[in-house]
Amino acid sequence: MSIDGIGRPPGGPGGVGPLPGPASPSATGEGFQVERGDAPSAASSSGLLARLTSGEINVEQYLDARVEEAVAPLVSKLPAESLEYIRSSLRAELESDPVLVELVRRATSAISPASTET
């Protein structure tokens, strides 16, 4: 007797025929399809970047807006204390993580927030 299935004929547990499950795509005549979602973050991100480059907002306001975008899907799912913790954690990472600081610098073409706090 084999434990890992080597040497057994293919089939379900105990060799009782095929495993139960959904029919194959060819049986239903339809293939697997995924609906595309809206991409508001890409549009709003470019809008934020345009506002930053025009001087309408500063780097700090840009980062705050990006954090709010990141947290937006969680607003109705988490309590306020958890949301505030996530906001502060994201903001701290944007200011301290070297990779993220470099991404912010490239995106904003400005001095990173961490280097302005001397």
C-alpha atoms as a PDB file:
ATOM      1  CA  MET A   1       0.000   0.000   0.000  1.00  0.00           C
ATOM      2  CA  SER A   2       1.268   3.455  -0.871  1.00  0.00           C
ATOM      3  CA  ILE A   3       0.799   6.541   1.277  1.00  0.00           C
ATOM      4  CA  ASP A   4       1.630   9.289  -1.193  1.00  0.00           C
ATOM      5  CA  GLY A   5      -0.342   7.961  -4.152  1.00  0.00           C
ATOM      6  CA  ILE A   6       2.591   6.611  -6.119  1.00  0.00           C
ATOM      7  CA  GLY A   7       1.698   3.339  -7.718  1.00  0.00           C
ATOM      8  CA  ARG A   8      -2.063   3.844  -7.497  1.00  0.00           C
ATOM      9  CA  PRO A   9      -4.314   4.383 -10.468  1.00  0.00           C
ATOM     10  CA  PRO A  10      -5.717   7.909 -10.840  1.00  0.00           C
ATOM     11  CA  GLY A  11      -9.050   8.495  -9.226  1.00  0.00           C
ATOM     12  CA  GLY A  12     -10.709   9.756  -6.107  1.00  0.00           C
ATOM     13  CA  PRO A  13     -10.017   8.652  -2.557  1.00  0.00           C
ATOM     14  CA  GLY A  14     -10.112   4.895  -2.301  1.00  0.00           C
ATOM     15  CA  GLY A  15     -10.039   4.553  -6.077  1.00  0.00           C
ATOM     16  CA  VAL A  16     -13.790   5.188  -6.436  1.00  0.00           C
ATOM     17  CA  GLY A  17     -13.830   7.120  -9.708  1.00  0.00           C
ATOM     18  CA  PRO A  18     -13.264  10.801 -10.454  1.00  0.00           C
ATOM     19  CA  LEU A  19     -13.220  13.481  -7.799  1.00  0.00           C
ATOM     20  CA  PRO A  20     -16.413  15.495  -7.400  1.00  0.00           C
ATOM     21  CA  GLY A  21     -16.295  19.124  -8.471  1.00  0.00           C
ATOM     22  CA  PRO A  22     -17.436  21.615 -11.065  1.00  0.00           C
ATOM     23  CA  ALA A  23     -17.633  20.550 -14.659  1.00  0.00           C
ATOM     24  CA  SER A  24     -14.808  21.410 -16.980  1.00  0.00           C
ATOM     25  CA  PRO A  25     -15.129  24.653 -19.001  1.00  0.00           C
ATOM     26  CA  SER A  26     -15.635  22.704 -22.203  1.00  0.00           C
ATOM     27  CA  ALA A  27     -18.644  20.940 -20.701  1.00  0.00           C
ATOM     28  CA  THR A  28     -20.504  24.210 -20.059  1.00  0.00           C
ATOM     29  CA  GLY A  29     -19.410  25.835 -23.295  1.00  0.00           C
ATOM     30  CA  GLU A  30     -18.067  28.897 -21.455  1.00  0.00           C
ATOM     31  CA  GLY A  31     -14.466  29.702 -20.672  1.00  0.00           C
ATOM     32  CA  PHE A  32     -13.141  31.329 -17.544  1.00  0.00           C
ATOM     33  CA  GLN A  33     -13.703  35.082 -17.597  1.00  0.00           C
ATOM     34  CA  VAL A  34     -12.744  37.845 -15.191  1.00  0.00           C
ATOM     35  CA  GLU A  35     -14.560  41.140 -15.149  1.00  0.00           C
ATOM     36  CA  ARG A  36     -12.364  44.208 -15.163  1.00  0.00           C
ATOM     37  CA  GLY A  37     -12.821  46.571 -12.271  1.00  0.00           C
ATOM     38  CA  ASP A  38     -12.583  50.317 -12.387  1.00  0.00           C
ATOM     39  CA  ALA A  39      -9.168  51.798 -11.818  1.00  0.00           C
ATOM     40  CA  PRO A  40      -9.930  54.998  -9.913  1.00  0.00           C
ATOM     41  CA  SER A  41      -6.596  55.004  -8.115  1.00  0.00           C
ATOM     42  CA  ALA A  42      -4.657  55.403 -11.355  1.00  0.00           C
ATOM     43  CA  ALA A  43      -6.748  58.383 -12.420  1.00  0.00           C
ATOM     44  CA  SER A  44      -6.760  59.977  -8.993  1.00  0.00           C
ATOM     45  CA  SER A  45      -3.036  59.319  -8.556  1.00  0.00           C
ATOM     46  CA  SER A  46      -2.214  61.170 -11.743  1.00  0.00           C
ATOM     47  CA  GLY A  47      -4.574  63.950 -10.634  1.00  0.00           C
ATOM     48  CA  LEU A  48      -2.770  64.171  -7.304  1.00  0.00           C
ATOM     49  CA  LEU A  49       0.580  64.230  -9.038  1.00  0.00           C
ATOM     50  CA  ALA A  50      -0.609  67.008 -11.340  1.00  0.00           C
ATOM     51  CA  ARG A  51      -1.810  69.009  -8.324  1.00  0.00           C
ATOM     52  CA  LEU A  52       1.579  68.472  -6.677  1.00  0.00           C
ATOM     53  CA  THR A  53       3.579  69.559  -9.694  1.00  0.00           C
ATOM     54  CA  SER A  54       1.415  72.635 -10.159  1.00  0.00           C
ATOM     55  CA  GLY A  55       2.084  73.638  -6.546  1.00  0.00           C
ATOM     56  CA  GLU A  56      -1.541  73.262  -5.480  1.00  0.00           C
ATOM     57  CA  ILE A  57      -0.519  70.737  -2.773  1.00  0.00           C
ATOM     58  CA  ASN A  58       2.799  69.942  -1.117  1.00  0.00           C
ATOM     59  CA  VAL A  59       4.544  66.579  -0.675  1.00  0.00           C
ATOM     60  CA  GLU A  60       3.028  66.054   2.779  1.00  0.00           C
ATOM     61  CA  GLN A  61      -0.503  66.561   1.443  1.00  0.00           C
ATOM     62  CA  TYR A  62       0.283  64.260  -1.490  1.00  0.00           C
ATOM     63  CA  LEU A  63       1.410  61.487   0.874  1.00  0.00           C
ATOM     64  CA  ASP A  64      -1.638  61.969   3.100  1.00  0.00           C
ATOM     65  CA  ALA A  65      -3.913  61.654   0.057  1.00  0.00           C
ATOM     66  CA  ARG A  66      -2.120  58.505  -1.114  1.00  0.00           C
ATOM     67  CA  VAL A  67      -2.495  56.947   2.347  1.00  0.00           C
ATOM     68  CA  GLU A  68      -6.211  57.785   2.294  1.00  0.00           C
ATOM     69  CA  GLU A  69      -6.517  56.122  -1.126  1.00  0.00           C
ATOM     70  CA  ALA A  70      -4.836  53.000   0.233  1.00  0.00           C
ATOM     71  CA  VAL A  71      -7.102  52.852   3.292  1.00  0.00           C
ATOM     72  CA  ALA A  72     -10.360  53.712   1.467  1.00  0.00           C
ATOM     73  CA  PRO A  73     -11.418  50.080   0.793  1.00  0.00           C
ATOM     74  CA  LEU A  74     -11.098  49.294   4.502  1.00  0.00           C
ATOM     75  CA  VAL A  75     -13.171  52.188   5.863  1.00  0.00           C
ATOM     76  CA  SER A  76     -16.450  50.278   6.025  1.00  0.00           C
ATOM     77  CA  LYS A  77     -14.790  47.055   7.200  1.00  0.00           C
ATOM     78  CA  LEU A  78     -12.602  48.086  10.129  1.00  0.00           C
ATOM     79  CA  PRO A  79     -13.130  50.050  13.341  1.00  0.00           C
ATOM     80  CA  ALA A  80     -11.764  53.603  13.565  1.00  0.00           C
ATOM     81  CA  GLU A  81      -8.887  52.621  15.881  1.00  0.00           C
ATOM     82  CA  SER A  82      -7.634  50.028  13.391  1.00  0.00           C
ATOM     83  CA  LEU A  83      -7.909  52.467  10.498  1.00  0.00           C
ATOM     84  CA  GLU A  84      -5.922  55.096  12.370  1.00  0.00           C
ATOM     85  CA  TYR A  85      -3.233  52.543  13.192  1.00  0.00           C
ATOM     86  CA  ILE A  86      -3.013  51.509   9.528  1.00  0.00           C
ATOM     87  CA  ARG A  87      -2.868  55.147   8.405  1.00  0.00           C
ATOM     88  CA  SER A  88      -0.078  55.995  10.823  1.00  0.00           C
ATOM     89  CA  SER A  89       1.845  52.826   9.940  1.00  0.00           C
ATOM     90  CA  LEU A  90       1.603  53.501   6.213  1.00  0.00           C
ATOM     91  CA  ARG A  91       2.641  57.102   6.683  1.00  0.00           C
ATOM     92  CA  ALA A  92       5.622  56.095   8.839  1.00  0.00           C
ATOM     93  CA  GLU A  93       6.714  53.581   6.193  1.00  0.00           C
ATOM     94  CA  LEU A  94       6.473  56.201   3.453  1.00  0.00           C
ATOM     95  CA  GLU A  95       8.754  58.459   5.469  1.00  0.00           C
ATOM     96  CA  SER A  96      11.296  55.889   6.670  1.00  0.00           C
ATOM     97  CA  ASP A  97      11.567  52.922   4.293  1.00  0.00           C
ATOM     98  CA  PRO A  98      14.478  53.669   1.916  1.00  0.00           C
ATOM     99  CA  VAL A  99      12.790  52.028  -1.073  1.00  0.00           C
ATOM    100  CA  LEU A 100       9.520  53.879  -0.520  1.00  0.00           C
ATOM    101  CA  VAL A 101      11.348  57.164   0.121  1.00  0.00           C
ATOM    102  CA  GLU A 102      13.094  56.728  -3.229  1.00  0.00           C
ATOM    103  CA  LEU A 103       9.789  55.942  -4.978  1.00  0.00           C
ATOM    104  CA  VAL A 104       8.223  59.057  -3.461  1.00  0.00           C
ATOM    105  CA  ARG A 105      11.225  61.120  -4.498  1.00  0.00           C
ATOM    106  CA  ARG A 106      10.975  59.843  -8.070  1.00  0.00           C
ATOM    107  CA  ALA A 107       7.214  60.298  -8.234  1.00  0.00           C
ATOM    108  CA  THR A 108       7.237  63.779  -6.788  1.00  0.00           C
ATOM    109  CA  SER A 109      10.655  64.953  -7.975  1.00  0.00           C
ATOM    110  CA  ALA A 110      10.980  66.637  -4.603  1.00  0.00           C
ATOM    111  CA  ILE A 111      12.889  66.252  -1.378  1.00  0.00           C
ATOM    112  CA  SER A 112      11.577  63.314   0.616  1.00  0.00           C
ATOM    113  CA  PRO A 113       9.558  64.102   3.756  1.00  0.00           C
ATOM    114  CA  ALA A 114      12.076  62.280   5.959  1.00  0.00           C
ATOM    115  CA  SER A 115      14.934  64.523   4.841  1.00  0.00           C
ATOM    116  CA  THR A 116      12.969  67.722   5.480  1.00  0.00           C
ATOM    117  CA  GLU A 117      12.637  66.907   9.187  1.00  0.00           C
ATOM    118  CA  THR A 118      16.132  67.763  10.428  1.00  0.00           C
END
